[in-house]
Amino acid sequence: MSSSTTKATVRMIAASFAAGVSAMMLVGLVAPVVAQGGLSMRDAAASTREARPNIGLDVAAVEAQLADADRTMVAMRATTADEMQRLQALSGR
């Protein structure tokens, strides 16, 4: 066999192997979904229920937490401002 024939044979075998692996993966992924009825049209109907959150949220507490976090960030920035300026000066910015 010439080198071009050998290369063509190797390419054909590799392509056949890749196609077989792809087909097995596709069957392995799609078959369970189809078997469980995941692609049935009756389940694809839109729901007419309104979405209502049924969790109790204390908005004031959440806003207080965010404000506290914001104050903490401002305080941290104030304590590291000198170091950041030094780093910027050293980096040439």
PDB file of N, CA and C in Angstrom:
ATOM      1  N   MET A   1       0.841  -1.184   0.000  1.00  0.00           N
ATOM      2  CA  MET A   1       0.000   0.000   0.000  1.00  0.00           C
ATOM      3  C   MET A   1       0.879   1.237   0.000  1.00  0.00           C
ATOM      4  N   SER A   2       0.446   2.216  -0.773  1.00  0.00           N
ATOM      5  CA  SER A   2       1.194   3.466  -0.777  1.00  0.00           C
ATOM      6  C   SER A   2       0.805   4.285   0.454  1.00  0.00           C
ATOM      7  N   SER A   3       1.589   5.324   0.718  1.00  0.00           N
ATOM      8  CA  SER A   3       1.320   6.114   1.920  1.00  0.00           C
ATOM      9  C   SER A   3      -0.006   6.852   1.823  1.00  0.00           C
ATOM     10  N   SER A   4      -0.422   7.273   0.629  1.00  0.00           N
ATOM     11  CA  SER A   4      -1.699   7.971   0.491  1.00  0.00           C
ATOM     12  C   SER A   4      -2.863   7.012   0.717  1.00  0.00           C
ATOM     13  N   THR A   5      -2.729   5.779   0.281  1.00  0.00           N
ATOM     14  CA  THR A   5      -3.766   4.779   0.509  1.00  0.00           C
ATOM     15  C   THR A   5      -3.851   4.440   1.991  1.00  0.00           C
ATOM     16  N   THR A   6      -2.704   4.342   2.641  1.00  0.00           N
ATOM     17  CA  THR A   6      -2.679   4.058   4.076  1.00  0.00           C
ATOM     18  C   THR A   6      -3.325   5.199   4.852  1.00  0.00           C
ATOM     19  N   LYS A   7      -3.001   6.428   4.479  1.00  0.00           N
ATOM     20  CA  LYS A   7      -3.603   7.585   5.162  1.00  0.00           C
ATOM     21  C   LYS A   7      -5.109   7.608   4.966  1.00  0.00           C
ATOM     22  N   ALA A   8      -5.559   7.306   3.743  1.00  0.00           N
ATOM     23  CA  ALA A   8      -6.993   7.303   3.464  1.00  0.00           C
ATOM     24  C   ALA A   8      -7.695   6.212   4.265  1.00  0.00           C
ATOM     25  N   THR A   9      -7.049   5.060   4.389  1.00  0.00           N
ATOM     26  CA  THR A   9      -7.625   3.957   5.166  1.00  0.00           C
ATOM     27  C   THR A   9      -7.715   4.329   6.647  1.00  0.00           C
ATOM     28  N   VAL A  10      -6.659   4.924   7.166  1.00  0.00           N
ATOM     29  CA  VAL A  10      -6.661   5.325   8.579  1.00  0.00           C
ATOM     30  C   VAL A  10      -7.740   6.376   8.824  1.00  0.00           C
ATOM     31  N   ARG A  11      -7.864   7.343   7.908  1.00  0.00           N
ATOM     32  CA  ARG A  11      -8.898   8.366   8.050  1.00  0.00           C
ATOM     33  C   ARG A  11     -10.290   7.754   8.012  1.00  0.00           C
ATOM     34  N   MET A  12     -10.507   6.785   7.122  1.00  0.00           N
ATOM     35  CA  MET A  12     -11.807   6.150   6.996  1.00  0.00           C
ATOM     36  C   MET A  12     -12.150   5.369   8.258  1.00  0.00           C
ATOM     37  N   ILE A  13     -11.180   4.663   8.811  1.00  0.00           N
ATOM     38  CA  ILE A  13     -11.415   3.899  10.048  1.00  0.00           C
ATOM     39  C   ILE A  13     -11.695   4.849  11.206  1.00  0.00           C
ATOM     40  N   ALA A  14     -10.937   5.940  11.309  1.00  0.00           N
ATOM     41  CA  ALA A  14     -11.148   6.906  12.386  1.00  0.00           C
ATOM     42  C   ALA A  14     -12.512   7.572  12.264  1.00  0.00           C
ATOM     43  N   ALA A  15     -12.902   7.935  11.045  1.00  0.00           N
ATOM     44  CA  ALA A  15     -14.213   8.558  10.840  1.00  0.00           C
ATOM     45  C   ALA A  15     -15.334   7.591  11.168  1.00  0.00           C
ATOM     46  N   SER A  16     -15.169   6.322  10.802  1.00  0.00           N
ATOM     47  CA  SER A  16     -16.175   5.307  11.107  1.00  0.00           C
ATOM     48  C   SER A  16     -16.304   5.117  12.616  1.00  0.00           C
ATOM     49  N   PHE A  17     -15.174   5.089  13.305  1.00  0.00           N
ATOM     50  CA  PHE A  17     -15.183   4.942  14.756  1.00  0.00           C
ATOM     51  C   PHE A  17     -15.878   6.138  15.408  1.00  0.00           C
ATOM     52  N   ALA A  18     -15.552   7.353  14.954  1.00  0.00           N
ATOM     53  CA  ALA A  18     -16.164   8.555  15.515  1.00  0.00           C
ATOM     54  C   ALA A  18     -17.667   8.571  15.266  1.00  0.00           C
ATOM     55  N   ALA A  19     -18.081   8.141  14.085  1.00  0.00           N
ATOM     56  CA  ALA A  19     -19.516   8.100  13.785  1.00  0.00           C
ATOM     57  C   ALA A  19     -20.224   7.087  14.672  1.00  0.00           C
ATOM     58  N   GLY A  20     -19.606   5.952  14.905  1.00  0.00           N
ATOM     59  CA  GLY A  20     -20.207   4.932  15.770  1.00  0.00           C
ATOM     60  C   GLY A  20     -20.330   5.410  17.206  1.00  0.00           C
ATOM     61  N   VAL A  21     -19.283   6.055  17.707  1.00  0.00           N
ATOM     62  CA  VAL A  21     -19.319   6.582  19.074  1.00  0.00           C
ATOM     63  C   VAL A  21     -20.398   7.648  19.193  1.00  0.00           C
ATOM     64  N   SER A  22     -20.494   8.522  18.204  1.00  0.00           N
ATOM     65  CA  SER A  22     -21.513   9.572  18.228  1.00  0.00           C
ATOM     66  C   SER A  22     -22.916   8.991  18.220  1.00  0.00           C
ATOM     67  N   ALA A  23     -23.130   7.975  17.396  1.00  0.00           N
ATOM     68  CA  ALA A  23     -24.452   7.343  17.333  1.00  0.00           C
ATOM     69  C   ALA A  23     -24.804   6.681  18.654  1.00  0.00           C
ATOM     70  N   MET A  24     -23.841   6.007  19.281  1.00  0.00           N
ATOM     71  CA  MET A  24     -24.118   5.361  20.569  1.00  0.00           C
ATOM     72  C   MET A  24     -24.422   6.391  21.651  1.00  0.00           C
ATOM     73  N   MET A  25     -23.688   7.503  21.634  1.00  0.00           N
ATOM     74  CA  MET A  25     -23.949   8.549  22.621  1.00  0.00           C
ATOM     75  C   MET A  25     -25.325   9.157  22.410  1.00  0.00           C
ATOM     76  N   LEU A  26     -25.691   9.406  21.175  1.00  0.00           N
ATOM     77  CA  LEU A  26     -26.993   9.978  20.880  1.00  0.00           C
ATOM     78  C   LEU A  26     -28.108   9.058  21.345  1.00  0.00           C
ATOM     79  N   VAL A  27     -27.982   7.775  21.058  1.00  0.00           N
ATOM     80  CA  VAL A  27     -28.993   6.810  21.485  1.00  0.00           C
ATOM     81  C   VAL A  27     -29.027   6.733  23.008  1.00  0.00           C
ATOM     82  N   GLY A  28     -27.869   6.788  23.634  1.00  0.00           N
ATOM     83  CA  GLY A  28     -27.825   6.706  25.090  1.00  0.00           C
ATOM     84  C   GLY A  28     -28.415   7.914  25.777  1.00  0.00           C
ATOM     85  N   LEU A  29     -28.338   9.082  25.144  1.00  0.00           N
ATOM     86  CA  LEU A  29     -28.890  10.289  25.749  1.00  0.00           C
ATOM     87  C   LEU A  29     -30.358  10.515  25.403  1.00  0.00           C
ATOM     88  N   VAL A  30     -30.758  10.192  24.195  1.00  0.00           N
ATOM     89  CA  VAL A  30     -32.114  10.477  23.752  1.00  0.00           C
ATOM     90  C   VAL A  30     -33.094   9.381  24.148  1.00  0.00           C
ATOM     91  N   ALA A  31     -32.667   8.126  24.136  1.00  0.00           N
ATOM     92  CA  ALA A  31     -33.581   7.022  24.416  1.00  0.00           C
ATOM     93  C   ALA A  31     -34.240   7.124  25.789  1.00  0.00           C
ATOM     94  N   PRO A  32     -33.521   7.426  26.861  1.00  0.00           N
ATOM     95  CA  PRO A  32     -34.204   7.539  28.161  1.00  0.00           C
ATOM     96  C   PRO A  32     -35.231   8.671  28.205  1.00  0.00           C
ATOM     97  N   VAL A  33     -34.947   9.771  27.524  1.00  0.00           N
ATOM     98  CA  VAL A  33     -35.892  10.894  27.506  1.00  0.00           C
ATOM     99  C   VAL A  33     -37.165  10.496  26.778  1.00  0.00           C
ATOM    100  N   VAL A  34     -37.015   9.823  25.647  1.00  0.00           N
ATOM    101  CA  VAL A  34     -38.172   9.394  24.876  1.00  0.00           C
ATOM    102  C   VAL A  34     -38.946   8.328  25.639  1.00  0.00           C
ATOM    103  N   ALA A  35     -38.241   7.415  26.298  1.00  0.00           N
ATOM    104  CA  ALA A  35     -38.904   6.342  27.037  1.00  0.00           C
ATOM    105  C   ALA A  35     -39.724   6.886  28.199  1.00  0.00           C
ATOM    106  N   GLN A  36     -39.286   7.977  28.807  1.00  0.00           N
ATOM    107  CA  GLN A  36     -40.024   8.561  29.917  1.00  0.00           C
ATOM    108  C   GLN A  36     -41.083   9.546  29.450  1.00  0.00           C
ATOM    109  N   GLY A  37     -41.218   9.727  28.171  1.00  0.00           N
ATOM    110  CA  GLY A  37     -42.224  10.640  27.645  1.00  0.00           C
ATOM    111  C   GLY A  37     -41.810  12.086  27.738  1.00  0.00           C
ATOM    112  N   GLY A  38     -40.522  12.344  27.764  1.00  0.00           N
ATOM    113  CA  GLY A  38     -40.034  13.709  27.883  1.00  0.00           C
ATOM    114  C   GLY A  38     -40.299  14.551  26.660  1.00  0.00           C
ATOM    115  N   LEU A  39     -40.573  13.913  25.538  1.00  0.00           N
ATOM    116  CA  LEU A  39     -40.820  14.662  24.310  1.00  0.00           C
ATOM    117  C   LEU A  39     -42.287  14.637  23.905  1.00  0.00           C
ATOM    118  N   SER A  40     -43.169  14.299  24.833  1.00  0.00           N
ATOM    119  CA  SER A  40     -44.581  14.236  24.493  1.00  0.00           C
ATOM    120  C   SER A  40     -45.183  15.636  24.430  1.00  0.00           C
ATOM    121  N   MET A  41     -46.135  15.829  23.555  1.00  0.00           N
ATOM    122  CA  MET A  41     -46.716  17.151  23.344  1.00  0.00           C
ATOM    123  C   MET A  41     -47.694  17.538  24.453  1.00  0.00           C
ATOM    124  N   ARG A  42     -48.289  16.578  25.131  1.00  0.00           N
ATOM    125  CA  ARG A  42     -49.277  16.936  26.155  1.00  0.00           C
ATOM    126  C   ARG A  42     -48.609  17.617  27.337  1.00  0.00           C
ATOM    127  N   ASP A  43     -47.359  17.323  27.593  1.00  0.00           N
ATOM    128  CA  ASP A  43     -46.653  17.966  28.693  1.00  0.00           C
ATOM    129  C   ASP A  43     -46.108  19.332  28.306  1.00  0.00           C
ATOM    130  N   ALA A  44     -46.138  19.654  27.023  1.00  0.00           N
ATOM    131  CA  ALA A  44     -45.565  20.909  26.563  1.00  0.00           C
ATOM    132  C   ALA A  44     -46.564  22.057  26.620  1.00  0.00           C
ATOM    133  N   ALA A  45     -47.777  21.790  27.069  1.00  0.00           N
ATOM    134  CA  ALA A  45     -48.792  22.842  27.143  1.00  0.00           C
ATOM    135  C   ALA A  45     -48.396  23.873  28.190  1.00  0.00           C
ATOM    136  N   ALA A  46     -48.695  25.117  27.904  1.00  0.00           N
ATOM    137  CA  ALA A  46     -48.346  26.199  28.821  1.00  0.00           C
ATOM    138  C   ALA A  46     -49.266  26.183  30.029  1.00  0.00           C
ATOM    139  N   SER A  47     -48.708  26.515  31.150  1.00  0.00           N
ATOM    140  CA  SER A  47     -49.492  26.576  32.380  1.00  0.00           C
ATOM    141  C   SER A  47     -50.194  27.922  32.456  1.00  0.00           C
ATOM    142  N   THR A  48     -51.414  27.925  32.933  1.00  0.00           N
ATOM    143  CA  THR A  48     -52.169  29.166  33.069  1.00  0.00           C
ATOM    144  C   THR A  48     -52.129  29.701  34.491  1.00  0.00           C
ATOM    145  N   ARG A  49     -51.435  29.032  35.387  1.00  0.00           N
ATOM    146  CA  ARG A  49     -51.327  29.492  36.776  1.00  0.00           C
ATOM    147  C   ARG A  49     -50.438  30.721  36.853  1.00  0.00           C
ATOM    148  N   GLU A  50     -50.801  31.609  37.754  1.00  0.00           N
ATOM    149  CA  GLU A  50     -49.951  32.772  37.996  1.00  0.00           C
ATOM    150  C   GLU A  50     -48.848  32.394  38.958  1.00  0.00           C
ATOM    151  N   ALA A  51     -47.687  32.919  38.692  1.00  0.00           N
ATOM    152  CA  ALA A  51     -46.562  32.643  39.576  1.00  0.00           C
ATOM    153  C   ALA A  51     -46.644  33.576  40.775  1.00  0.00           C
ATOM    154  N   ARG A  52     -46.777  33.005  41.935  1.00  0.00           N
ATOM    155  CA  ARG A  52     -46.824  33.786  43.165  1.00  0.00           C
ATOM    156  C   ARG A  52     -45.798  33.230  44.130  1.00  0.00           C
ATOM    157  N   PRO A  53     -44.885  34.049  44.549  1.00  0.00           N
ATOM    158  CA  PRO A  53     -43.895  33.539  45.507  1.00  0.00           C
ATOM    159  C   PRO A  53     -44.568  33.262  46.856  1.00  0.00           C
ATOM    160  N   ASN A  54     -44.338  32.082  47.360  1.00  0.00           N
ATOM    161  CA  ASN A  54     -44.929  31.752  48.647  1.00  0.00           C
ATOM    162  C   ASN A  54     -43.839  31.628  49.712  1.00  0.00           C
ATOM    163  N   ILE A  55     -42.897  32.552  49.646  1.00  0.00           N
ATOM    164  CA  ILE A  55     -41.871  32.617  50.674  1.00  0.00           C
ATOM    165  C   ILE A  55     -42.045  33.935  51.413  1.00  0.00           C
ATOM    166  N   GLY A  56     -41.789  33.926  52.676  1.00  0.00           N
ATOM    167  CA  GLY A  56     -41.920  35.140  53.460  1.00  0.00           C
ATOM    168  C   GLY A  56     -40.617  35.912  53.454  1.00  0.00           C
ATOM    169  N   LEU A  57     -40.606  37.040  52.776  1.00  0.00           N
ATOM    170  CA  LEU A  57     -39.397  37.857  52.689  1.00  0.00           C
ATOM    171  C   LEU A  57     -39.580  39.124  53.506  1.00  0.00           C
ATOM    172  N   ASP A  58     -38.640  39.383  54.356  1.00  0.00           N
ATOM    173  CA  ASP A  58     -38.641  40.633  55.104  1.00  0.00           C
ATOM    174  C   ASP A  58     -37.769  41.618  54.338  1.00  0.00           C
ATOM    175  N   VAL A  59     -38.405  42.459  53.541  1.00  0.00           N
ATOM    176  CA  VAL A  59     -37.688  43.363  52.651  1.00  0.00           C
ATOM    177  C   VAL A  59     -36.834  44.343  53.451  1.00  0.00           C
ATOM    178  N   ALA A  60     -37.350  44.804  54.560  1.00  0.00           N
ATOM    179  CA  ALA A  60     -36.590  45.760  55.378  1.00  0.00           C
ATOM    180  C   ALA A  60     -35.312  45.120  55.901  1.00  0.00           C
ATOM    181  N   ALA A  61     -35.372  43.854  56.302  1.00  0.00           N
ATOM    182  CA  ALA A  61     -34.185  43.165  56.800  1.00  0.00           C
ATOM    183  C   ALA A  61     -33.161  42.969  55.692  1.00  0.00           C
ATOM    184  N   VAL A  62     -33.627  42.648  54.502  1.00  0.00           N
ATOM    185  CA  VAL A  62     -32.721  42.464  53.369  1.00  0.00           C
ATOM    186  C   VAL A  62     -32.051  43.795  53.024  1.00  0.00           C
ATOM    187  N   GLU A  63     -32.825  44.870  52.993  1.00  0.00           N
ATOM    188  CA  GLU A  63     -32.254  46.179  52.693  1.00  0.00           C
ATOM    189  C   GLU A  63     -31.265  46.609  53.769  1.00  0.00           C
ATOM    190  N   ALA A  64     -31.552  46.286  55.028  1.00  0.00           N
ATOM    191  CA  ALA A  64     -30.626  46.609  56.111  1.00  0.00           C
ATOM    192  C   ALA A  64     -29.321  45.832  55.952  1.00  0.00           C
ATOM    193  N   GLN A  65     -29.436  44.579  55.558  1.00  0.00           N
ATOM    194  CA  GLN A  65     -28.241  43.758  55.329  1.00  0.00           C
ATOM    195  C   GLN A  65     -27.403  44.325  54.191  1.00  0.00           C
ATOM    196  N   LEU A  66     -28.065  44.737  53.110  1.00  0.00           N
ATOM    197  CA  LEU A  66     -27.346  45.321  51.978  1.00  0.00           C
ATOM    198  C   LEU A  66     -26.671  46.632  52.371  1.00  0.00           C
ATOM    199  N   ALA A  67     -27.354  47.445  53.157  1.00  0.00           N
ATOM    200  CA  ALA A  67     -26.764  48.707  53.600  1.00  0.00           C
ATOM    201  C   ALA A  67     -25.552  48.453  54.489  1.00  0.00           C
ATOM    202  N   ASP A  68     -25.651  47.445  55.350  1.00  0.00           N
ATOM    203  CA  ASP A  68     -24.519  47.094  56.216  1.00  0.00           C
ATOM    204  C   ASP A  68     -23.332  46.610  55.384  1.00  0.00           C
ATOM    205  N   ALA A  69     -23.608  45.798  54.393  1.00  0.00           N
ATOM    206  CA  ALA A  69     -22.544  45.309  53.514  1.00  0.00           C
ATOM    207  C   ALA A  69     -21.904  46.466  52.745  1.00  0.00           C
ATOM    208  N   ASP A  70     -22.724  47.413  52.324  1.00  0.00           N
ATOM    209  CA  ASP A  70     -22.201  48.581  51.612  1.00  0.00           C
ATOM    210  C   ASP A  70     -21.297  49.406  52.522  1.00  0.00           C
ATOM    211  N   ARG A  71     -21.707  49.610  53.774  1.00  0.00           N
ATOM    212  CA  ARG A  71     -20.867  50.344  54.722  1.00  0.00           C
ATOM    213  C   ARG A  71     -19.550  49.617  54.967  1.00  0.00           C
ATOM    214  N   THR A  72     -19.607  48.304  55.076  1.00  0.00           N
ATOM    215  CA  THR A  72     -18.396  47.507  55.283  1.00  0.00           C
ATOM    216  C   THR A  72     -17.448  47.641  54.097  1.00  0.00           C
ATOM    217  N   MET A  73     -17.998  47.623  52.886  1.00  0.00           N
ATOM    218  CA  MET A  73     -17.158  47.758  51.689  1.00  0.00           C
ATOM    219  C   MET A  73     -16.494  49.126  51.630  1.00  0.00           C
ATOM    220  N   VAL A  74     -17.244  50.168  51.982  1.00  0.00           N
ATOM    221  CA  VAL A  74     -16.672  51.520  51.971  1.00  0.00           C
ATOM    222  C   VAL A  74     -15.546  51.610  52.998  1.00  0.00           C
ATOM    223  N   ALA A  75     -15.752  51.009  54.173  1.00  0.00           N
ATOM    224  CA  ALA A  75     -14.711  51.029  55.210  1.00  0.00           C
ATOM    225  C   ALA A  75     -13.474  50.261  54.754  1.00  0.00           C
ATOM    226  N   MET A  76     -13.666  49.140  54.100  1.00  0.00           N
ATOM    227  CA  MET A  76     -12.531  48.356  53.611  1.00  0.00           C
ATOM    228  C   MET A  76     -11.773  49.102  52.520  1.00  0.00           C
ATOM    229  N   ARG A  77     -12.511  49.767  51.640  1.00  0.00           N
ATOM    230  CA  ARG A  77     -11.847  50.559  50.600  1.00  0.00           C
ATOM    231  C   ARG A  77     -11.013  51.669  51.225  1.00  0.00           C
ATOM    232  N   ALA A  78     -11.538  52.273  52.290  1.00  0.00           N
ATOM    233  CA  ALA A  78     -10.810  53.362  52.943  1.00  0.00           C
ATOM    234  C   ALA A  78      -9.519  52.854  53.573  1.00  0.00           C
ATOM    235  N   THR A  79      -9.529  51.626  54.106  1.00  0.00           N
ATOM    236  CA  THR A  79      -8.323  51.106  54.748  1.00  0.00           C
ATOM    237  C   THR A  79      -7.291  50.630  53.735  1.00  0.00           C
ATOM    238  N   THR A  80      -7.722  50.317  52.519  1.00  0.00           N
ATOM    239  CA  THR A  80      -6.769  49.815  51.522  1.00  0.00           C
ATOM    240  C   THR A  80      -6.446  50.845  50.450  1.00  0.00           C
ATOM    241  N   ALA A  81      -6.950  52.055  50.579  1.00  0.00           N
ATOM    242  CA  ALA A  81      -6.735  53.071  49.545  1.00  0.00           C
ATOM    243  C   ALA A  81      -5.251  53.377  49.362  1.00  0.00           C
ATOM    244  N   ASP A  82      -4.513  53.494  50.468  1.00  0.00           N
ATOM    245  CA  ASP A  82      -3.082  53.798  50.372  1.00  0.00           C
ATOM    246  C   ASP A  82      -2.323  52.694  49.634  1.00  0.00           C
ATOM    247  N   GLU A  83      -2.663  51.432  49.962  1.00  0.00           N
ATOM    248  CA  GLU A  83      -1.978  50.312  49.315  1.00  0.00           C
ATOM    249  C   GLU A  83      -2.286  50.275  47.820  1.00  0.00           C
ATOM    250  N   MET A  84      -3.530  50.574  47.463  1.00  0.00           N
ATOM    251  CA  MET A  84      -3.904  50.565  46.052  1.00  0.00           C
ATOM    252  C   MET A  84      -3.179  51.670  45.287  1.00  0.00           C
ATOM    253  N   GLN A  85      -3.043  52.840  45.896  1.00  0.00           N
ATOM    254  CA  GLN A  85      -2.312  53.922  45.240  1.00  0.00           C
ATOM    255  C   GLN A  85      -0.847  53.540  45.051  1.00  0.00           C
ATOM    256  N   ARG A  86      -0.272  52.890  46.046  1.00  0.00           N
ATOM    257  CA  ARG A  86       1.129  52.461  45.931  1.00  0.00           C
ATOM    258  C   ARG A  86       1.285  51.431  44.819  1.00  0.00           C
ATOM    259  N   LEU A  87       0.359  50.479  44.745  1.00  0.00           N
ATOM    260  CA  LEU A  87       0.418  49.477  43.682  1.00  0.00           C
ATOM    261  C   LEU A  87       0.293  50.120  42.305  1.00  0.00           C
ATOM    262  N   GLN A  88      -0.601  51.088  42.173  1.00  0.00           N
ATOM    263  CA  GLN A  88      -0.751  51.751  40.894  1.00  0.00           C
ATOM    264  C   GLN A  88       0.499  52.545  40.527  1.00  0.00           C
ATOM    265  N   ALA A  89       1.120  53.161  41.513  1.00  0.00           N
ATOM    266  CA  ALA A  89       2.349  53.908  41.252  1.00  0.00           C
ATOM    267  C   ALA A  89       3.476  52.962  40.832  1.00  0.00           C
ATOM    268  N   LEU A  90       3.544  51.798  41.481  1.00  0.00           N
ATOM    269  CA  LEU A  90       4.590  50.826  41.135  1.00  0.00           C
ATOM    270  C   LEU A  90       4.360  50.199  39.766  1.00  0.00           C
ATOM    271  N   SER A  91       3.087  50.049  39.394  1.00  0.00           N
ATOM    272  CA  SER A  91       2.790  49.420  38.103  1.00  0.00           C
ATOM    273  C   SER A  91       2.905  50.406  36.954  1.00  0.00           C
ATOM    274  N   GLY A  92       3.056  51.702  37.255  1.00  0.00           N
ATOM    275  CA  GLY A  92       3.239  52.685  36.198  1.00  0.00           C
ATOM    276  C   GLY A  92       1.937  53.207  35.646  1.00  0.00           C
ATOM    277  N   ARG A  93       0.868  53.063  36.346  1.00  0.00           N
ATOM    278  CA  ARG A  93      -0.421  53.558  35.855  1.00  0.00           C
ATOM    279  C   ARG A  93      -0.665  54.964  36.302  1.00  0.00           C
TER     280      ARG A  93
END
